[in-house]
Structures are given as C-alpha cells and as structure tokens.
Amino acid sequence: MSDQQKLAVARALRDDALAVFKGNLEIVKQETSPGRMKERAVGEAVEMIDTAREIAGENKAVIGATLAALVAWFLREPLQQFAGWLSDKVRTGD
C-alpha cells in the first residue's frame, strides 16, 4: 500500500469517526434539552409517587406508628407537663 492509499484510508477513518462523534453529540443535545429533561423529571416523579403509594399501602401500621412518634416528639413538653400534673393529682387523690 502506498503512502497516498494509507493517507486516503486514514482520512476515511477520520471522517467516519467524526460522523459518529457528531451523531452522538446530537443525541446528547437532544437528551439534555430543557423539554426532554422536564419530561424525564416528571416521569421519575410519577414513578416515585407510585412506589411511595405501594409502600404506604403495604406498611400502614409502620407509617401510623412513625407519625404518632413524630407527634409525640413535637408535643413532648406539653405531654411531660400533663404527665406531671396527672401524677400530682393521683398522689393527692383529687
């Protein structure tokens, strides 16, 4: 193979590689466009909501207990005061 033929083959390979690169670049541009990203985000959000609904349906007792614990935590001071008041009433017999 002569130098001219090698150069022609190398240029053809370069041109093919450039065409593949440009094609991939167009795909990336399309996938990262604002419209496509919004579409993907909405799809992911819907999937997450569906999964959360399924898990919540299967674990109602766990969710109820967790919510009760959170409410008790946020109301801990009033509950402690009430328990103290109730304890005083029981001790005095009122």
N, C-alpha and C. Protein backbone atom coordinates (compact mmCIF):
# COMPACT_ATOMS: atom_id res chain seq x y z
N MET A 1 0.84 -1.17 0.00
CA MET A 1 0.00 0.00 0.00
C MET A 1 0.89 1.23 0.00
N SER A 2 0.57 2.15 -0.88
CA SER A 2 1.37 3.36 -1.00
C SER A 2 0.99 4.36 0.09
N ASP A 3 1.80 5.38 0.22
CA ASP A 3 1.53 6.42 1.21
C ASP A 3 0.22 7.15 0.90
N GLN A 4 -0.09 7.33 -0.35
CA GLN A 4 -1.33 8.00 -0.76
C GLN A 4 -2.54 7.18 -0.34
N GLN A 5 -2.45 5.87 -0.53
CA GLN A 5 -3.56 4.99 -0.15
C GLN A 5 -3.74 4.97 1.37
N LYS A 6 -2.61 4.90 2.09
CA LYS A 6 -2.68 4.92 3.54
C LYS A 6 -3.30 6.22 4.04
N LEU A 7 -2.91 7.31 3.40
CA LEU A 7 -3.46 8.62 3.78
C LEU A 7 -4.95 8.68 3.48
N ALA A 8 -5.37 8.12 2.36
CA ALA A 8 -6.80 8.11 2.00
C ALA A 8 -7.58 7.26 3.00
N VAL A 9 -7.05 6.10 3.39
CA VAL A 9 -7.72 5.25 4.37
C VAL A 9 -7.80 5.96 5.72
N ALA A 10 -6.72 6.60 6.12
CA ALA A 10 -6.70 7.32 7.40
C ALA A 10 -7.73 8.45 7.40
N ARG A 11 -7.82 9.17 6.28
CA ARG A 11 -8.81 10.26 6.18
C ARG A 11 -10.23 9.71 6.23
N ALA A 12 -10.46 8.59 5.58
CA ALA A 12 -11.79 7.98 5.59
C ALA A 12 -12.16 7.55 7.01
N LEU A 13 -11.21 6.96 7.71
CA LEU A 13 -11.46 6.57 9.10
C LEU A 13 -11.73 7.79 9.97
N ARG A 14 -10.96 8.85 9.74
CA ARG A 14 -11.16 10.09 10.49
C ARG A 14 -12.55 10.65 10.22
N ASP A 15 -12.95 10.67 8.99
CA ASP A 15 -14.27 11.20 8.63
C ASP A 15 -15.39 10.36 9.24
N ASP A 16 -15.21 9.03 9.23
CA ASP A 16 -16.21 8.15 9.84
C ASP A 16 -16.30 8.41 11.34
N ALA A 17 -15.14 8.54 11.99
CA ALA A 17 -15.13 8.80 13.44
C ALA A 17 -15.78 10.14 13.74
N LEU A 18 -15.53 11.15 12.92
CA LEU A 18 -16.14 12.46 13.11
C LEU A 18 -17.65 12.39 12.94
N ALA A 19 -18.11 11.62 11.98
CA ALA A 19 -19.55 11.47 11.77
C ALA A 19 -20.20 10.79 12.97
N VAL A 20 -19.56 9.77 13.51
CA VAL A 20 -20.08 9.09 14.69
C VAL A 20 -20.12 10.05 15.88
N PHE A 21 -19.04 10.81 16.05
CA PHE A 21 -18.98 11.79 17.14
C PHE A 21 -20.09 12.82 17.02
N LYS A 22 -20.29 13.36 15.82
CA LYS A 22 -21.34 14.37 15.63
C LYS A 22 -22.72 13.78 15.88
N GLY A 23 -22.92 12.53 15.48
CA GLY A 23 -24.20 11.86 15.75
C GLY A 23 -24.43 11.72 17.25
N ASN A 24 -23.40 11.29 17.97
CA ASN A 24 -23.52 11.16 19.42
C ASN A 24 -23.74 12.52 20.08
N LEU A 25 -23.10 13.55 19.56
CA LEU A 25 -23.27 14.89 20.10
C LEU A 25 -24.71 15.37 19.92
N GLU A 26 -25.31 15.06 18.81
CA GLU A 26 -26.72 15.44 18.57
C GLU A 26 -27.64 14.71 19.56
N ILE A 27 -27.35 13.44 19.81
CA ILE A 27 -28.15 12.68 20.77
C ILE A 27 -28.04 13.31 22.16
N VAL A 28 -26.83 13.67 22.55
CA VAL A 28 -26.63 14.31 23.86
C VAL A 28 -27.38 15.64 23.93
N LYS A 29 -27.32 16.41 22.87
CA LYS A 29 -28.04 17.70 22.85
C LYS A 29 -29.54 17.50 22.99
N GLN A 30 -30.07 16.49 22.31
CA GLN A 30 -31.50 16.22 22.41
C GLN A 30 -31.88 15.75 23.81
N GLU A 31 -31.06 14.88 24.39
CA GLU A 31 -31.37 14.33 25.72
C GLU A 31 -31.22 15.37 26.83
N THR A 32 -30.41 16.39 26.62
CA THR A 32 -30.21 17.40 27.65
C THR A 32 -30.98 18.69 27.37
N SER A 33 -31.86 18.65 26.41
CA SER A 33 -32.68 19.82 26.15
C SER A 33 -33.66 20.03 27.30
N PRO A 34 -34.04 21.27 27.59
CA PRO A 34 -34.94 21.53 28.72
C PRO A 34 -36.25 20.75 28.65
N GLY A 35 -36.81 20.63 27.49
CA GLY A 35 -38.07 19.89 27.34
C GLY A 35 -37.91 18.42 27.70
N ARG A 36 -36.84 17.83 27.23
CA ARG A 36 -36.59 16.40 27.50
C ARG A 36 -36.27 16.19 28.98
N MET A 37 -35.52 17.09 29.56
CA MET A 37 -35.18 16.95 30.98
C MET A 37 -36.43 17.09 31.84
N LYS A 38 -37.33 18.00 31.46
CA LYS A 38 -38.58 18.16 32.20
C LYS A 38 -39.41 16.89 32.08
N GLU A 39 -39.47 16.35 30.89
CA GLU A 39 -40.23 15.12 30.65
C GLU A 39 -39.69 13.97 31.50
N ARG A 40 -38.37 13.84 31.56
CA ARG A 40 -37.76 12.78 32.35
C ARG A 40 -37.99 13.00 33.84
N ALA A 41 -37.90 14.27 34.30
CA ALA A 41 -38.11 14.57 35.72
C ALA A 41 -39.54 14.25 36.13
N VAL A 42 -40.51 14.61 35.29
CA VAL A 42 -41.91 14.32 35.59
C VAL A 42 -42.13 12.81 35.63
N GLY A 43 -41.54 12.10 34.69
CA GLY A 43 -41.67 10.64 34.68
C GLY A 43 -41.08 10.00 35.94
N GLU A 44 -39.93 10.49 36.36
CA GLU A 44 -39.31 9.97 37.59
C GLU A 44 -40.16 10.30 38.81
N ALA A 45 -40.72 11.51 38.86
CA ALA A 45 -41.56 11.90 40.00
C ALA A 45 -42.81 11.03 40.08
N VAL A 46 -43.43 10.78 38.95
CA VAL A 46 -44.62 9.93 38.93
C VAL A 46 -44.28 8.52 39.40
N GLU A 47 -43.15 8.01 38.96
CA GLU A 47 -42.71 6.68 39.37
C GLU A 47 -42.44 6.63 40.88
N MET A 48 -41.82 7.68 41.42
CA MET A 48 -41.54 7.73 42.85
C MET A 48 -42.84 7.80 43.66
N ILE A 49 -43.80 8.57 43.19
CA ILE A 49 -45.09 8.68 43.89
C ILE A 49 -45.81 7.33 43.88
N ASP A 50 -45.79 6.65 42.76
CA ASP A 50 -46.42 5.33 42.67
C ASP A 50 -45.76 4.34 43.62
N THR A 51 -44.45 4.38 43.69
CA THR A 51 -43.72 3.49 44.60
C THR A 51 -44.06 3.82 46.04
N ALA A 52 -44.12 5.11 46.37
CA ALA A 52 -44.45 5.52 47.74
C ALA A 52 -45.86 5.07 48.11
N ARG A 53 -46.79 5.16 47.17
CA ARG A 53 -48.16 4.70 47.43
C ARG A 53 -48.19 3.19 47.71
N GLU A 54 -47.45 2.44 46.93
CA GLU A 54 -47.41 0.99 47.13
C GLU A 54 -46.83 0.65 48.50
N ILE A 55 -45.74 1.31 48.85
CA ILE A 55 -45.09 1.04 50.14
C ILE A 55 -46.01 1.46 51.28
N ALA A 56 -46.65 2.61 51.14
CA ALA A 56 -47.57 3.09 52.19
C ALA A 56 -48.75 2.13 52.35
N GLY A 57 -49.24 1.60 51.26
CA GLY A 57 -50.34 0.65 51.33
C GLY A 57 -49.97 -0.64 52.04
N GLU A 58 -48.73 -1.05 51.88
CA GLU A 58 -48.27 -2.29 52.49
C GLU A 58 -47.86 -2.11 53.95
N ASN A 59 -47.54 -0.88 54.37
CA ASN A 59 -46.98 -0.65 55.69
C ASN A 59 -47.75 0.43 56.47
N LYS A 60 -49.06 0.32 56.51
CA LYS A 60 -49.87 1.34 57.19
C LYS A 60 -49.56 1.42 58.67
N ALA A 61 -49.33 0.30 59.32
CA ALA A 61 -49.05 0.30 60.76
C ALA A 61 -47.72 1.00 61.06
N VAL A 62 -46.73 0.75 60.25
CA VAL A 62 -45.42 1.37 60.45
C VAL A 62 -45.52 2.88 60.25
N ILE A 63 -46.24 3.29 59.23
CA ILE A 63 -46.40 4.72 58.97
C ILE A 63 -47.19 5.38 60.09
N GLY A 64 -48.23 4.73 60.57
CA GLY A 64 -49.01 5.27 61.68
C GLY A 64 -48.17 5.42 62.94
N ALA A 65 -47.37 4.40 63.24
CA ALA A 65 -46.51 4.46 64.42
C ALA A 65 -45.46 5.56 64.28
N THR A 66 -44.93 5.73 63.11
CA THR A 66 -43.93 6.78 62.87
C THR A 66 -44.56 8.15 63.04
N LEU A 67 -45.74 8.34 62.49
CA LEU A 67 -46.42 9.63 62.64
C LEU A 67 -46.76 9.91 64.10
N ALA A 68 -47.20 8.89 64.82
CA ALA A 68 -47.51 9.06 66.24
C ALA A 68 -46.25 9.42 67.02
N ALA A 69 -45.14 8.80 66.70
CA ALA A 69 -43.88 9.13 67.37
C ALA A 69 -43.45 10.56 67.07
N LEU A 70 -43.64 10.99 65.85
CA LEU A 70 -43.29 12.38 65.49
C LEU A 70 -44.16 13.38 66.23
N VAL A 71 -45.45 13.11 66.31
CA VAL A 71 -46.36 14.00 67.03
C VAL A 71 -45.97 14.03 68.51
N ALA A 72 -45.67 12.87 69.08
CA ALA A 72 -45.27 12.82 70.49
C ALA A 72 -43.97 13.59 70.71
N TRP A 73 -43.06 13.51 69.77
CA TRP A 73 -41.80 14.22 69.89
C TRP A 73 -42.03 15.74 69.87
N PHE A 74 -42.83 16.20 68.96
CA PHE A 74 -43.08 17.64 68.87
C PHE A 74 -43.89 18.16 70.06
N LEU A 75 -44.71 17.31 70.64
CA LEU A 75 -45.53 17.71 71.79
C LEU A 75 -44.97 17.18 73.11
N ARG A 76 -43.69 16.87 73.14
CA ARG A 76 -43.12 16.23 74.33
C ARG A 76 -43.21 17.09 75.58
N GLU A 77 -42.97 18.41 75.47
CA GLU A 77 -43.02 19.25 76.66
C GLU A 77 -44.44 19.35 77.22
N PRO A 78 -45.46 19.63 76.40
CA PRO A 78 -46.81 19.63 76.95
C PRO A 78 -47.22 18.27 77.51
N LEU A 79 -46.79 17.20 76.87
CA LEU A 79 -47.11 15.86 77.38
C LEU A 79 -46.43 15.60 78.71
N GLN A 80 -45.18 16.05 78.87
CA GLN A 80 -44.48 15.89 80.14
C GLN A 80 -45.16 16.70 81.25
N GLN A 81 -45.58 17.90 80.91
CA GLN A 81 -46.28 18.73 81.89
C GLN A 81 -47.61 18.07 82.29
N PHE A 82 -48.33 17.56 81.33
CA PHE A 82 -49.59 16.88 81.62
C PHE A 82 -49.35 15.65 82.49
N ALA A 83 -48.31 14.88 82.16
CA ALA A 83 -48.00 13.70 82.96
C ALA A 83 -47.64 14.10 84.38
N GLY A 84 -46.91 15.17 84.56
CA GLY A 84 -46.58 15.65 85.90
C GLY A 84 -47.82 16.09 86.65
N TRP A 85 -48.70 16.81 85.99
CA TRP A 85 -49.95 17.27 86.60
C TRP A 85 -50.80 16.07 87.00
N LEU A 86 -50.90 15.11 86.10
CA LEU A 86 -51.68 13.90 86.37
C LEU A 86 -51.09 13.11 87.54
N SER A 87 -49.77 13.03 87.58
CA SER A 87 -49.10 12.34 88.68
C SER A 87 -49.38 13.03 90.01
N ASP A 88 -49.36 14.36 90.03
CA ASP A 88 -49.67 15.12 91.25
C ASP A 88 -51.11 14.85 91.69
N LYS A 89 -52.03 14.80 90.74
CA LYS A 89 -53.45 14.55 91.07
C LYS A 89 -53.62 13.15 91.66
N VAL A 90 -52.90 12.16 91.11
CA VAL A 90 -53.03 10.79 91.60
C VAL A 90 -52.45 10.70 93.01
N ARG A 91 -51.34 11.38 93.28
CA ARG A 91 -50.71 11.34 94.60
C ARG A 91 -51.58 11.99 95.67
N THR A 92 -52.21 13.10 95.29
CA THR A 92 -53.02 13.81 96.27
C THR A 92 -54.42 13.21 96.39
N GLY A 93 -54.81 12.41 95.45
CA GLY A 93 -56.10 11.76 95.50
C GLY A 93 -57.23 12.63 95.01
N ASP A 94 -56.96 13.67 94.31
CA ASP A 94 -58.01 14.57 93.79
C ASP A 94 -58.65 14.03 92.56
